[in-house]
Amino acid sequence: MTLVFIRILLRYLAAILVTRGLIAPDLGEMIARDPDVAMALQVAAGALLAAVAEGWYYLAHRCGWAK
C-alpha cells in the first residue's frame, strides 16, 4: 500500500518539476511510472525515518528525557 502512495507522490513531484521547466517531460514521465524509482524512494524514506528515530533516541538519552 505504501508503494501506491509513493507512486502518487512521484507523479505530483514530476508534474511540478516539468511545469517549472526543471526537467524534460519525458524524464518526468519516466520518474512517475518507473517502479524502480518508486522502490528506491521507499527504501530511502525508510532509511531516513530510521535515522530520525535513532537520532531522537540519542538526543533523549543525552538530555535526560528517557528514564
N, C-alpha and C. Protein backbone atom coordinates (compact mmCIF):
# COMPACT_ATOMS: atom_id res chain seq x y z
N MET A 1 0.82 -1.19 0.00
CA MET A 1 0.00 0.00 0.00
C MET A 1 0.86 1.26 0.00
N THR A 2 1.99 1.20 0.67
CA THR A 2 2.88 2.36 0.72
C THR A 2 3.42 2.68 -0.67
N LEU A 3 3.67 1.64 -1.45
CA LEU A 3 4.20 1.85 -2.80
C LEU A 3 3.21 2.62 -3.66
N VAL A 4 1.93 2.41 -3.45
CA VAL A 4 0.91 3.15 -4.19
C VAL A 4 0.99 4.64 -3.86
N PHE A 5 1.11 4.96 -2.58
CA PHE A 5 1.22 6.36 -2.18
C PHE A 5 2.48 7.00 -2.73
N ILE A 6 3.56 6.25 -2.77
CA ILE A 6 4.82 6.79 -3.29
C ILE A 6 4.70 7.05 -4.79
N ARG A 7 4.02 6.18 -5.52
CA ARG A 7 3.82 6.43 -6.95
C ARG A 7 2.99 7.69 -7.18
N ILE A 8 1.96 7.88 -6.37
CA ILE A 8 1.16 9.10 -6.48
C ILE A 8 2.00 10.33 -6.18
N LEU A 9 2.80 10.25 -5.13
CA LEU A 9 3.70 11.35 -4.78
C LEU A 9 4.68 11.64 -5.91
N LEU A 10 5.22 10.60 -6.53
CA LEU A 10 6.16 10.79 -7.63
C LEU A 10 5.49 11.45 -8.83
N ARG A 11 4.24 11.09 -9.10
CA ARG A 11 3.53 11.73 -10.21
C ARG A 11 3.36 13.22 -9.98
N TYR A 12 2.98 13.60 -8.76
CA TYR A 12 2.82 15.02 -8.46
C TYR A 12 4.16 15.74 -8.49
N LEU A 13 5.18 15.12 -7.94
CA LEU A 13 6.52 15.72 -7.95
C LEU A 13 7.02 15.91 -9.38
N ALA A 14 6.83 14.89 -10.21
CA ALA A 14 7.26 15.00 -11.61
C ALA A 14 6.48 16.10 -12.33
N ALA A 15 5.19 16.21 -12.05
CA ALA A 15 4.38 17.25 -12.68
C ALA A 15 4.86 18.64 -12.27
N ILE A 16 5.18 18.81 -11.02
CA ILE A 16 5.69 20.11 -10.55
C ILE A 16 7.01 20.45 -11.22
N LEU A 17 7.91 19.46 -11.29
CA LEU A 17 9.21 19.72 -11.90
C LEU A 17 9.10 20.01 -13.40
N VAL A 18 8.18 19.33 -14.09
CA VAL A 18 8.00 19.58 -15.52
C VAL A 18 7.39 20.95 -15.76
N THR A 19 6.37 21.31 -14.98
CA THR A 19 5.73 22.61 -15.19
C THR A 19 6.66 23.78 -14.88
N ARG A 20 7.57 23.59 -13.98
CA ARG A 20 8.55 24.66 -13.68
C ARG A 20 9.72 24.66 -14.65
N GLY A 21 9.76 23.65 -15.51
CA GLY A 21 10.82 23.59 -16.51
C GLY A 21 12.13 23.07 -15.98
N LEU A 22 12.11 22.40 -14.85
CA LEU A 22 13.35 21.89 -14.27
C LEU A 22 13.78 20.57 -14.89
N ILE A 23 12.82 19.80 -15.41
CA ILE A 23 13.15 18.56 -16.10
C ILE A 23 12.31 18.46 -17.36
N ALA A 24 12.76 17.63 -18.28
CA ALA A 24 12.05 17.42 -19.54
C ALA A 24 10.80 16.57 -19.30
N PRO A 25 9.78 16.74 -20.11
CA PRO A 25 8.56 15.94 -19.94
C PRO A 25 8.79 14.43 -20.02
N ASP A 26 9.72 14.00 -20.88
CA ASP A 26 10.00 12.56 -20.98
C ASP A 26 10.59 12.02 -19.69
N LEU A 27 11.47 12.78 -19.08
CA LEU A 27 12.06 12.37 -17.81
C LEU A 27 11.02 12.35 -16.70
N GLY A 28 10.12 13.32 -16.72
CA GLY A 28 9.04 13.34 -15.74
C GLY A 28 8.15 12.12 -15.84
N GLU A 29 7.86 11.71 -17.05
CA GLU A 29 7.04 10.51 -17.27
C GLU A 29 7.76 9.27 -16.74
N MET A 30 9.08 9.19 -16.99
CA MET A 30 9.84 8.05 -16.52
C MET A 30 9.85 7.99 -14.99
N ILE A 31 10.01 9.13 -14.34
CA ILE A 31 10.04 9.17 -12.88
C ILE A 31 8.69 8.74 -12.32
N ALA A 32 7.62 9.19 -12.93
CA ALA A 32 6.28 8.90 -12.41
C ALA A 32 5.87 7.45 -12.63
N ARG A 33 6.39 6.80 -13.65
CA ARG A 33 5.91 5.45 -13.99
C ARG A 33 6.88 4.33 -13.66
N ASP A 34 8.11 4.64 -13.36
CA ASP A 34 9.12 3.59 -13.14
C ASP A 34 9.00 3.01 -11.73
N PRO A 35 8.69 1.71 -11.61
CA PRO A 35 8.57 1.12 -10.28
C PRO A 35 9.90 1.05 -9.53
N ASP A 36 11.01 1.02 -10.26
CA ASP A 36 12.31 1.00 -9.58
C ASP A 36 12.58 2.32 -8.86
N VAL A 37 12.17 3.42 -9.46
CA VAL A 37 12.33 4.72 -8.81
C VAL A 37 11.46 4.78 -7.57
N ALA A 38 10.23 4.27 -7.67
CA ALA A 38 9.33 4.25 -6.52
C ALA A 38 9.89 3.38 -5.40
N MET A 39 10.46 2.24 -5.75
CA MET A 39 11.04 1.35 -4.74
C MET A 39 12.26 2.00 -4.08
N ALA A 40 13.08 2.67 -4.87
CA ALA A 40 14.25 3.35 -4.30
C ALA A 40 13.82 4.47 -3.36
N LEU A 41 12.77 5.19 -3.73
CA LEU A 41 12.27 6.25 -2.86
C LEU A 41 11.70 5.67 -1.56
N GLN A 42 11.05 4.52 -1.66
CA GLN A 42 10.52 3.88 -0.46
C GLN A 42 11.64 3.44 0.48
N VAL A 43 12.70 2.89 -0.07
CA VAL A 43 13.85 2.48 0.75
C VAL A 43 14.51 3.70 1.38
N ALA A 44 14.65 4.77 0.61
CA ALA A 44 15.26 5.99 1.14
C ALA A 44 14.40 6.59 2.25
N ALA A 45 13.09 6.58 2.08
CA ALA A 45 12.20 7.10 3.12
C ALA A 45 12.30 6.26 4.40
N GLY A 46 12.39 4.96 4.24
CA GLY A 46 12.55 4.09 5.40
C GLY A 46 13.86 4.33 6.13
N ALA A 47 14.93 4.51 5.37
CA ALA A 47 16.23 4.79 5.98
C ALA A 47 16.23 6.14 6.69
N LEU A 48 15.59 7.13 6.09
CA LEU A 48 15.51 8.45 6.71
C LEU A 48 14.71 8.39 8.01
N LEU A 49 13.60 7.69 8.01
CA LEU A 49 12.80 7.57 9.23
C LEU A 49 13.56 6.82 10.32
N ALA A 50 14.30 5.80 9.94
CA ALA A 50 15.11 5.07 10.92
C ALA A 50 16.19 5.98 11.51
N ALA A 51 16.83 6.78 10.67
CA ALA A 51 17.86 7.70 11.16
C ALA A 51 17.27 8.75 12.10
N VAL A 52 16.10 9.27 11.78
CA VAL A 52 15.44 10.25 12.65
C VAL A 52 15.09 9.62 13.99
N ALA A 53 14.58 8.39 13.96
CA ALA A 53 14.22 7.71 15.21
C ALA A 53 15.45 7.46 16.08
N GLU A 54 16.54 7.03 15.47
CA GLU A 54 17.77 6.79 16.23
C GLU A 54 18.36 8.09 16.76
N GLY A 55 18.27 9.15 15.95
CA GLY A 55 18.76 10.45 16.41
C GLY A 55 17.94 10.97 17.58
N TRP A 56 16.64 10.79 17.54
CA TRP A 56 15.77 11.22 18.64
C TRP A 56 16.07 10.41 19.90
N TYR A 57 16.32 9.12 19.73
CA TYR A 57 16.66 8.25 20.87
C TYR A 57 17.97 8.72 21.51
N TYR A 58 18.96 9.02 20.68
CA TYR A 58 20.24 9.51 21.19
C TYR A 58 20.06 10.84 21.93
N LEU A 59 19.29 11.74 21.33
CA LEU A 59 19.06 13.05 21.94
C LEU A 59 18.30 12.90 23.27
N ALA A 60 17.35 12.00 23.33
CA ALA A 60 16.59 11.80 24.56
C ALA A 60 17.48 11.29 25.68
N HIS A 61 18.37 10.39 25.36
CA HIS A 61 19.29 9.89 26.39
C HIS A 61 20.30 10.94 26.81
N ARG A 62 20.75 11.71 25.86
CA ARG A 62 21.75 12.74 26.18
C ARG A 62 21.15 13.86 27.05
N CYS A 63 19.91 14.22 26.78
CA CYS A 63 19.28 15.30 27.53
C CYS A 63 18.53 14.82 28.77
N GLY A 64 18.51 13.53 29.00
CA GLY A 64 17.86 13.00 30.19
C GLY A 64 16.36 12.87 30.09
N TRP A 65 15.82 12.86 28.87
CA TRP A 65 14.38 12.73 28.70
C TRP A 65 13.92 11.29 28.85
N ALA A 66 14.81 10.34 28.60
CA ALA A 66 14.46 8.92 28.68
C ALA A 66 14.80 8.41 30.07
N LYS A 67 13.90 7.76 30.68
CA LYS A 67 14.17 7.23 32.02
C LYS A 67 13.97 5.73 32.05
